[in-house]
Amino acid sequence: MSFLSLIGVELKKIQHSKILWILLIPIVLLWIPAVINADLNFDTQLEGISPENNFLVQSFMGFAWFMYPASLVICTVLLNQTERSNRGILKMFSLPISRFKLCLAKFVVLLILAVVQMVIMLTMYFLCAAIASSIQDYQFILSPLIVLKEAGMIYLSSIPMATVYWMLATCIQTPIFSIGIGLATIVPSVLAINTKMWFLYPMCYPFMIITSEMHKMATNLGTFSYKLFPWIPVAMAFTVICLVISCIRFGQVEGR
C-alpha cells in the first residue's frame, strides 16, 4: 500500500468521529465574544493599534495560545485511539504495512486536521468581521493577504509543537495522562515567550509569532521581535527527533 493510499485510509477512519466537532466548536466559542464586544476594539487606539487590527490579533492570540494547541492535543490522542480501540492496530499490523509508514501517515492526517481548523478559523474571522462591521458601522475586515499571512505563520510555526504532542500520544498509553500532560504544556507558553531561550519550547512558537505581530501593529507597545537563528535549526531538530521517537514507539506495545 502506497503512502498516499494509507493517508486516504486514515482520513476515512475519522469521517464519522467527533474530531471535526472538536475543531469547530472551540472556534465558534472563541469568535462569539469577539463579535459581542467588538466596540471594545475602539479603546485600544492609545496603544497605537487600529480597531480592525486589534479585532484580528486578539482572537488569533487566544487561538494560538490555547484553542489551537489544545485541539492538537486532543486530536493526537483520538487518532491513536482509533487504532487502539477494538485492537484495530493489530489488524493493521497483520497487513504488509510498515509500522513507521503508518505512524507518519497518521501524523500527516494530524497536519491535515490542523489545516482544516485553520480554514475554519479564517472562515469565522471573515464572517464575524462582517457581522461586527455591520453592527458597529466600521470596517473590521482586513485584506485577505494579511489574514492569510497570519494564519500561515501560525500553522507553520506549530509543526514542531504538533510533533511533540504526537510523540506524547504514541509514548503514553493512557489517554487521560497524555491529554493532561499535553494541556499542561500549553500554559507555560506565556512565560516562555518572555525568555531569551523561548525557541527551546516548541509549544510557545505560535503564540510567539502572533504576539510579535501584535507589537508590530501596536506602535506604542514597543518591539517584541524574534530571530530566525537559532530558532529554525532548533525547530527542525525538535521536529525530526520527535518524529523519530514517535515512529519507534508507535504500536510497540501492541506489537509485542
Protein backbone atom coordinates (compact mmCIF):
# COMPACT_ATOMS: atom_id res chain seq x y z
CA MET A 1 0.00 0.00 0.00
CA SER A 2 1.39 3.38 -1.03
CA PHE A 3 1.88 6.18 1.47
CA LEU A 4 -0.85 8.31 -0.16
CA SER A 5 -3.28 5.37 -0.09
CA LEU A 6 -2.51 4.89 3.60
CA ILE A 7 -3.27 8.56 4.27
CA GLY A 8 -6.58 8.11 2.44
CA VAL A 9 -7.44 5.14 4.64
CA GLU A 10 -6.63 7.14 7.78
CA LEU A 11 -8.84 10.01 6.62
CA LYS A 12 -11.74 7.61 6.08
CA LYS A 13 -11.35 6.33 9.64
CA ILE A 14 -12.08 9.77 11.08
CA GLN A 15 -15.05 10.63 8.84
CA HIS A 16 -17.57 9.53 11.45
CA SER A 17 -15.54 10.51 14.51
CA LYS A 18 -16.01 13.53 16.77
CA ILE A 19 -12.75 15.12 15.67
CA LEU A 20 -14.35 17.61 13.29
CA TRP A 21 -16.64 18.86 16.07
CA ILE A 22 -13.58 19.30 18.28
CA LEU A 23 -12.09 21.51 15.59
CA LEU A 24 -15.26 23.55 15.03
CA ILE A 25 -16.85 24.19 18.43
CA PRO A 26 -13.88 25.91 20.17
CA ILE A 27 -13.51 28.37 17.28
CA VAL A 28 -17.20 29.26 17.34
CA LEU A 29 -16.96 29.86 21.09
CA LEU A 30 -13.85 31.98 20.50
CA TRP A 31 -15.46 34.33 17.99
CA ILE A 32 -18.84 34.89 19.70
CA PRO A 33 -17.33 37.19 22.40
CA ALA A 34 -15.28 38.96 19.73
CA VAL A 35 -18.45 39.99 17.91
CA ILE A 36 -20.38 40.85 21.07
CA ASN A 37 -17.53 43.01 22.40
CA ALA A 38 -16.44 44.47 19.08
CA ASP A 39 -16.90 48.01 20.42
CA LEU A 40 -14.01 47.45 22.87
CA ASN A 41 -11.59 47.47 19.95
CA PHE A 42 -12.01 51.25 19.72
CA ASP A 43 -10.43 51.64 23.18
CA THR A 44 -7.06 50.29 22.04
CA GLN A 45 -6.07 53.20 19.81
CA LEU A 46 -3.99 54.68 22.64
CA GLU A 47 -1.66 51.70 22.19
CA GLY A 48 -1.30 52.63 18.55
CA ILE A 49 -3.26 49.70 17.17
CA SER A 50 -6.26 50.23 14.92
CA PRO A 51 -9.63 48.63 15.82
CA GLU A 52 -9.56 46.30 12.81
CA ASN A 53 -6.05 45.08 13.62
CA ASN A 54 -6.97 44.56 17.26
CA PHE A 55 -10.09 42.63 16.25
CA LEU A 56 -7.90 40.23 14.30
CA VAL A 57 -4.95 39.89 16.63
CA GLN A 58 -6.84 39.46 19.92
CA SER A 59 -8.86 36.48 18.68
CA PHE A 60 -5.86 34.96 16.93
CA MET A 61 -3.84 35.29 20.14
CA GLY A 62 -6.45 33.31 22.07
CA PHE A 63 -6.49 30.76 19.27
CA ALA A 64 -2.70 30.41 19.02
CA TRP A 65 -2.14 30.30 22.79
CA PHE A 66 -4.75 27.78 23.90
CA MET A 67 -7.50 26.73 21.47
CA TYR A 68 -5.23 25.52 18.69
CA PRO A 69 -2.69 23.63 20.86
CA ALA A 70 -5.49 22.07 22.92
CA SER A 71 -7.21 20.85 19.75
CA LEU A 72 -3.94 19.30 18.57
CA VAL A 73 -3.50 17.53 21.90
CA ILE A 74 -6.96 16.00 21.75
CA CYS A 75 -6.68 15.09 18.07
CA THR A 76 -3.38 13.27 18.61
CA VAL A 77 -4.94 11.11 21.30
CA LEU A 78 -8.08 10.41 19.26
CA LEU A 79 -6.04 9.46 16.20
CA ASN A 80 -4.15 6.94 18.30
CA GLN A 81 -7.32 5.64 19.92
CA THR A 82 -8.83 4.80 16.52
CA GLU A 83 -6.17 2.08 16.32
CA ARG A 84 -6.11 1.01 19.96
CA SER A 85 -9.87 0.55 20.31
CA ASN A 86 -11.02 -2.98 19.39
CA ARG A 87 -7.34 -3.87 18.88
CA GLY A 88 -7.52 -2.29 15.45
CA ILE A 89 -3.79 -1.70 15.37
CA LEU A 90 -3.16 -5.45 15.43
CA LYS A 91 -5.37 -5.79 12.36
CA MET A 92 -3.31 -3.10 10.63
CA PHE A 93 -0.06 -4.85 11.59
CA SER A 94 -1.38 -8.09 10.09
CA LEU A 95 -1.25 -6.34 6.70
CA PRO A 96 2.01 -5.76 4.81
CA ILE A 97 2.29 -2.20 6.16
CA SER A 98 5.34 -0.64 7.74
CA ARG A 99 4.77 0.49 11.30
CA PHE A 100 6.85 3.61 10.60
CA LYS A 101 4.85 4.39 7.48
CA LEU A 102 1.56 4.05 9.38
CA CYS A 103 2.83 6.38 12.11
CA LEU A 104 3.89 9.03 9.58
CA ALA A 105 0.58 8.69 7.71
CA LYS A 106 -1.37 9.38 10.89
CA PHE A 107 0.87 12.36 11.62
CA VAL A 108 0.17 13.75 8.15
CA VAL A 109 -3.54 13.36 8.91
CA LEU A 110 -2.95 15.38 12.08
CA LEU A 111 -1.40 18.16 9.98
CA ILE A 112 -4.35 17.99 7.59
CA LEU A 113 -6.74 18.37 10.52
CA ALA A 114 -4.72 21.40 11.63
CA VAL A 115 -5.21 22.89 8.15
CA VAL A 116 -8.94 22.22 8.40
CA GLN A 117 -9.11 24.02 11.73
CA MET A 118 -7.13 26.94 10.30
CA VAL A 119 -9.58 27.17 7.40
CA ILE A 120 -12.46 27.19 9.89
CA MET A 121 -10.69 29.93 11.84
CA LEU A 122 -10.27 32.05 8.71
CA THR A 123 -13.87 31.49 7.65
CA MET A 124 -15.14 32.51 11.06
CA TYR A 125 -12.90 35.59 11.03
CA PHE A 126 -14.32 36.95 7.79
CA LEU A 127 -17.88 36.07 8.82
CA CYS A 128 -17.57 37.64 12.28
CA ALA A 129 -15.66 40.66 10.97
CA ALA A 130 -18.50 41.28 8.52
CA ILE A 131 -21.09 40.98 11.30
CA ALA A 132 -19.09 43.29 13.60
CA SER A 133 -18.66 45.79 10.76
CA SER A 134 -22.40 45.87 10.23
CA ILE A 135 -23.17 46.27 13.95
CA GLN A 136 -20.53 48.92 14.68
CA ASP A 137 -20.71 50.68 11.31
CA TYR A 138 -16.95 50.35 10.98
CA GLN A 139 -14.83 48.29 8.58
CA PHE A 140 -13.23 45.49 10.61
CA ILE A 141 -12.35 43.30 7.62
CA LEU A 142 -8.65 43.39 6.77
CA SER A 143 -7.03 42.44 3.47
CA PRO A 144 -7.25 38.66 2.90
CA LEU A 145 -3.48 38.61 2.25
CA ILE A 146 -2.78 39.99 5.73
CA VAL A 147 -5.10 37.48 7.38
CA LEU A 148 -3.75 34.56 5.34
CA LYS A 149 -0.21 35.56 6.24
CA GLU A 150 -1.00 35.48 9.98
CA ALA A 151 -2.76 32.11 9.71
CA GLY A 152 0.05 30.65 7.60
CA MET A 153 2.74 31.75 10.04
CA ILE A 154 0.82 30.29 12.97
CA TYR A 155 0.37 26.99 11.13
CA LEU A 156 3.97 26.61 10.01
CA SER A 157 5.32 27.53 13.43
CA SER A 158 3.03 24.93 15.05
CA ILE A 159 4.50 21.91 13.21
CA PRO A 160 7.29 21.30 15.80
CA MET A 161 4.66 21.59 18.55
CA ALA A 162 2.48 19.05 16.74
CA THR A 163 5.39 16.58 16.62
CA VAL A 164 5.87 16.93 20.39
CA TYR A 165 2.19 16.20 21.04
CA TRP A 166 2.26 13.30 18.60
CA MET A 167 5.27 11.87 20.41
CA LEU A 168 3.45 12.16 23.76
CA ALA A 169 0.39 10.39 22.35
CA THR A 170 2.45 7.50 20.98
CA CYS A 171 4.64 7.12 24.07
CA ILE A 172 1.95 7.43 26.75
CA GLN A 173 -0.57 4.61 26.55
CA THR A 174 -3.16 6.08 28.93
CA PRO A 175 -5.23 8.74 27.06
CA ILE A 176 -6.11 10.80 30.14
CA PHE A 177 -2.42 11.15 31.06
CA SER A 178 -1.46 12.03 27.50
CA ILE A 179 -4.15 14.73 27.33
CA GLY A 180 -3.32 16.02 30.81
CA ILE A 181 0.39 16.37 30.11
CA GLY A 182 -0.28 17.93 26.72
CA LEU A 183 -2.68 20.53 28.11
CA ALA A 184 -0.30 21.27 30.97
CA THR A 185 2.40 22.26 28.48
CA ILE A 186 0.22 25.00 26.99
CA VAL A 187 0.07 27.36 29.98
CA PRO A 188 3.86 27.99 30.30
CA SER A 189 3.90 29.43 26.77
CA VAL A 190 3.10 32.85 28.23
CA LEU A 191 6.22 32.67 30.37
CA ALA A 192 8.41 31.05 27.73
CA ILE A 193 7.98 33.80 25.13
CA ASN A 194 9.38 36.30 27.62
CA THR A 195 12.68 34.47 27.96
CA LYS A 196 15.75 34.50 25.72
CA MET A 197 15.55 30.71 25.35
CA TRP A 198 11.95 30.64 24.10
CA PHE A 199 12.97 28.67 21.00
CA LEU A 200 13.67 25.65 23.23
CA TYR A 201 9.94 25.39 23.99
CA PRO A 202 8.07 24.43 20.76
CA MET A 203 4.65 24.83 22.40
CA CYS A 204 5.15 28.60 22.51
CA TYR A 205 6.06 29.07 18.84
CA PRO A 206 2.58 30.02 17.50
CA PHE A 207 1.94 32.33 20.45
CA MET A 208 5.34 33.95 19.97
CA ILE A 209 4.55 34.63 16.31
CA ILE A 210 1.18 36.29 16.91
CA THR A 211 2.47 38.26 19.91
CA SER A 212 5.31 39.62 17.80
CA GLU A 213 2.81 40.60 15.09
CA MET A 214 0.67 42.40 17.66
CA HIS A 215 3.65 44.52 18.73
CA LYS A 216 4.32 45.36 15.10
CA MET A 217 0.73 46.58 14.73
CA ALA A 218 0.66 48.43 18.07
CA THR A 219 3.20 51.19 17.55
CA ASN A 220 3.16 52.32 21.20
CA LEU A 221 3.86 48.93 22.76
CA GLY A 222 7.48 48.64 21.71
CA THR A 223 9.14 45.79 19.84
CA PHE A 224 8.81 42.10 20.52
CA SER A 225 10.88 40.56 17.76
CA TYR A 226 12.38 37.13 17.22
CA LYS A 227 15.40 35.91 15.27
CA LEU A 228 15.23 33.08 12.76
CA PHE A 229 18.58 31.79 14.05
CA PRO A 230 18.81 29.72 16.18
CA TRP A 231 15.02 29.25 16.11
CA ILE A 232 14.72 27.49 12.72
CA PRO A 233 17.55 24.95 13.29
CA VAL A 234 16.23 24.15 16.78
CA ALA A 235 12.66 23.82 15.48
CA MET A 236 13.82 21.45 12.74
CA ALA A 237 15.76 19.40 15.28
CA PHE A 238 12.70 19.09 17.54
CA THR A 239 10.59 18.03 14.57
CA VAL A 240 12.96 15.31 13.40
CA ILE A 241 13.76 13.95 16.87
CA CYS A 242 10.12 13.79 17.96
CA LEU A 243 9.04 12.10 14.72
CA VAL A 244 11.79 9.51 15.02
CA ILE A 245 10.82 8.72 18.62
CA SER A 246 7.15 8.53 17.58
CA CYS A 247 7.90 6.09 14.76
CA ILE A 248 9.95 3.89 17.09
CA ARG A 249 7.31 3.88 19.84
CA PHE A 250 4.20 3.67 17.64
CA GLY A 251 2.48 0.31 18.15
CA GLN A 252 5.46 -1.05 20.04
CA VAL A 253 3.37 -2.27 22.98
CA GLU A 254 0.57 -3.73 20.85
CA GLY A 255 3.04 -5.43 18.51
CA ARG A 256 4.64 -7.49 21.25
